[in-house]
C-alpha cells in the first residue's frame, strides 16, 4: 500500500463519518457536499439521481421521523462499523460497511451501505450509495415506513 492509497482511505473514512454527522443533525446542505453532483443513491426500490433528489430524501425522512417520534425527543444517530475500502484506481474506490440507526426509542433499524467513491477536483465523494436494510424493530420508524 502506498501513500496515495493511505490518503484515499483516510479521506473516504472521513467522508462516511461526515455523511452520518451532518445528516443526523439536519445539516443537509453539508451532507449533500459528500456526494458527486451526479451521484446516485438507492434506498429500497427508490433510485435517486443527483444531489437535489438525494437532498429531498433527507428532508422527507426528517419529517417522517419527527411525525413518528410524537412527543419524544427527536434525534437520529447513525453508527457505522466494519468499513472496508478497496481503492481500485487513483480516482476510484469501493466501500461497504454496516450501519445501525438509533432513535429516541433505541435501536430502530440496521443494514449495509455499498458505496462507490470518486476523486473529483482533488476531493473524494460518494458517486453511488446503495442502502440495504437488513432488519428493523417492530413498532419502530423503519417498520412503520414499510406499511
Protein backbone atom coordinates (compact mmCIF):
# COMPACT_ATOMS: atom_id res chain seq x y z
CA UNK A 1 0.00 0.00 0.00
CA UNK A 2 1.45 3.37 -0.98
CA UNK A 3 0.95 6.84 0.50
CA UNK A 4 -1.71 7.84 -2.06
CA UNK A 5 -3.82 4.80 -1.15
CA UNK A 6 -3.47 5.55 2.57
CA UNK A 7 -4.56 9.14 1.99
CA UNK A 8 -7.53 7.96 -0.11
CA UNK A 9 -8.61 5.51 2.58
CA UNK A 10 -8.46 8.12 5.34
CA UNK A 11 -10.34 10.70 3.27
CA UNK A 12 -13.04 8.13 2.50
CA UNK A 13 -13.34 7.21 6.20
CA UNK A 14 -13.84 10.90 6.93
CA UNK A 15 -16.42 11.12 4.14
CA UNK A 16 -18.53 8.34 5.69
CA UNK A 17 -18.29 9.97 9.14
CA UNK A 18 -19.31 13.38 7.74
CA UNK A 19 -22.31 11.82 5.99
CA UNK A 20 -23.51 10.42 9.33
CA UNK A 21 -22.79 13.50 11.43
CA UNK A 22 -24.28 16.07 9.07
CA UNK A 23 -27.36 14.06 8.13
CA UNK A 24 -28.11 13.17 11.75
CA UNK A 25 -28.05 16.83 12.76
CA UNK A 26 -30.18 18.03 9.83
CA UNK A 27 -27.34 19.89 8.09
CA UNK A 28 -28.41 18.60 4.70
CA UNK A 29 -26.53 21.26 2.71
CA UNK A 30 -23.33 19.89 4.26
CA UNK A 31 -24.48 16.30 3.75
CA UNK A 32 -25.00 16.87 0.05
CA UNK A 33 -21.38 18.02 -0.25
CA UNK A 34 -20.18 14.44 0.34
CA UNK A 35 -21.90 13.39 -2.91
CA UNK A 36 -20.81 13.94 -6.51
CA UNK A 37 -23.11 16.26 -8.47
CA UNK A 38 -24.44 13.30 -10.44
CA UNK A 39 -24.40 10.79 -7.57
CA UNK A 40 -26.99 8.03 -7.35
CA UNK A 41 -28.48 6.78 -4.09
CA UNK A 42 -30.58 3.62 -3.97
CA UNK A 43 -32.83 3.08 -0.96
CA UNK A 44 -35.02 0.02 -1.33
CA UNK A 45 -36.78 0.30 -4.68
CA UNK A 46 -36.20 4.06 -4.88
CA UNK A 47 -33.36 5.36 -7.07
CA UNK A 48 -32.41 8.99 -6.54
CA UNK A 49 -30.20 10.65 -9.15
CA UNK A 50 -28.38 13.89 -8.41
CA UNK A 51 -27.87 15.99 -5.32
CA UNK A 52 -31.31 17.64 -5.39
CA UNK A 53 -33.13 14.30 -5.39
CA UNK A 54 -30.90 12.95 -2.62
CA UNK A 55 -31.42 16.08 -0.52
CA UNK A 56 -35.20 15.75 -0.88
CA UNK A 57 -34.97 12.23 0.57
CA UNK A 58 -33.22 13.59 3.67
CA UNK A 59 -35.85 16.29 4.17
CA UNK A 60 -38.72 13.81 3.76
CA UNK A 61 -37.06 11.35 6.16
CA UNK A 62 -36.59 14.09 8.77
CA UNK A 63 -40.30 14.95 8.59
CA UNK A 64 -41.31 11.29 8.72
CA UNK A 65 -39.14 10.57 11.77
CA UNK A 66 -40.46 13.69 13.52
CA UNK A 67 -44.01 12.51 12.90
CA UNK A 68 -43.21 9.07 14.28
CA UNK A 69 -41.46 10.43 17.39
CA UNK A 70 -44.54 12.27 18.68
CA UNK A 71 -43.65 13.93 21.98
CA UNK A 72 -40.32 12.14 22.34
CA UNK A 73 -37.02 13.96 21.79
CA UNK A 74 -36.18 13.97 18.11
CA UNK A 75 -32.76 12.75 17.15
CA UNK A 76 -31.15 10.27 14.83
CA UNK A 77 -27.77 8.60 15.31
CA UNK A 78 -26.21 6.51 12.57
CA UNK A 79 -23.45 4.19 13.72
CA UNK A 80 -21.22 2.61 11.08
CA UNK A 81 -18.79 -0.25 11.53
CA UNK A 82 -16.51 -2.59 9.61
CA UNK A 83 -15.82 -0.08 6.85
CA UNK A 84 -13.92 -1.91 4.13
CA UNK A 85 -12.35 0.24 1.42
CA UNK A 86 -10.88 -1.05 -1.83
CA UNK A 87 -9.01 1.60 -3.80
CA UNK A 88 -9.41 0.32 -7.35
CA UNK A 89 -7.57 3.13 -9.16
CA UNK A 90 -6.07 6.53 -8.32
CA UNK A 91 -9.53 8.10 -8.77
CA UNK A 92 -11.99 5.33 -7.82
CA UNK A 93 -12.75 3.20 -4.79
CA UNK A 94 -15.44 0.88 -3.46
CA UNK A 95 -16.61 0.55 0.11
CA UNK A 96 -19.03 -1.35 2.26
CA UNK A 97 -19.95 -1.08 5.89
CA UNK A 98 -22.63 -2.00 8.37
CA UNK A 99 -24.92 0.61 9.89
CA UNK A 100 -27.28 0.84 12.84
CA UNK A 101 -29.75 3.66 13.43
CA UNK A 102 -30.70 4.81 16.91
CA UNK A 103 -33.84 6.86 17.51
CA UNK A 104 -35.34 8.01 20.83
CA UNK A 105 -36.84 4.54 21.43
CA UNK A 106 -33.44 2.86 20.88
CA UNK A 107 -32.22 0.70 18.01
CA UNK A 108 -34.59 1.19 15.07
CA UNK A 109 -33.05 -0.50 12.04
CA UNK A 110 -29.78 -1.78 10.65
CA UNK A 111 -28.17 -2.81 7.40
CA UNK A 112 -25.35 -2.12 4.97
CA UNK A 113 -24.05 0.65 2.75
CA UNK A 114 -22.50 -0.42 -0.55
CA UNK A 115 -20.61 2.58 -1.92
CA UNK A 116 -18.63 3.76 -4.91
CA UNK A 117 -16.34 6.76 -4.47
CA UNK A 118 -14.62 9.05 -6.91
CA UNK A 119 -11.82 11.58 -6.66
CA UNK A 120 -13.29 14.70 -8.26
CA UNK A 121 -11.41 18.01 -8.28
CA UNK A 122 -9.00 16.66 -5.67
CA UNK A 123 -11.74 15.56 -3.25
CA UNK A 124 -13.21 12.11 -2.59
CA UNK A 125 -17.00 11.97 -2.88
CA UNK A 126 -19.70 9.33 -2.94
CA UNK A 127 -20.69 8.58 -6.54
CA UNK A 128 -23.12 5.78 -5.74
CA UNK A 129 -24.64 4.54 -2.47
CA UNK A 130 -26.90 1.53 -2.12
CA UNK A 131 -28.65 1.31 1.24
CA UNK A 132 -29.70 -2.21 2.20
CA UNK A 133 -31.84 -2.52 5.32
CA UNK A 134 -31.36 -5.95 6.85
CA UNK A 135 -33.79 -5.59 9.75
CA UNK A 136 -35.84 -3.31 11.96
CA UNK A 137 -37.56 -3.24 15.32
CA UNK A 138 -41.29 -3.94 15.45
CA UNK A 139 -43.13 -0.66 16.08
CA UNK A 140 -40.12 1.47 15.13
CA UNK A 141 -39.91 4.14 12.46
CA UNK A 142 -38.41 1.87 9.78
CA UNK A 143 -41.14 -0.72 10.37
CA UNK A 144 -43.86 1.92 10.08
CA UNK A 145 -42.37 3.34 6.88
CA UNK A 146 -42.74 -0.09 5.23
CA UNK A 147 -46.52 -0.20 5.57
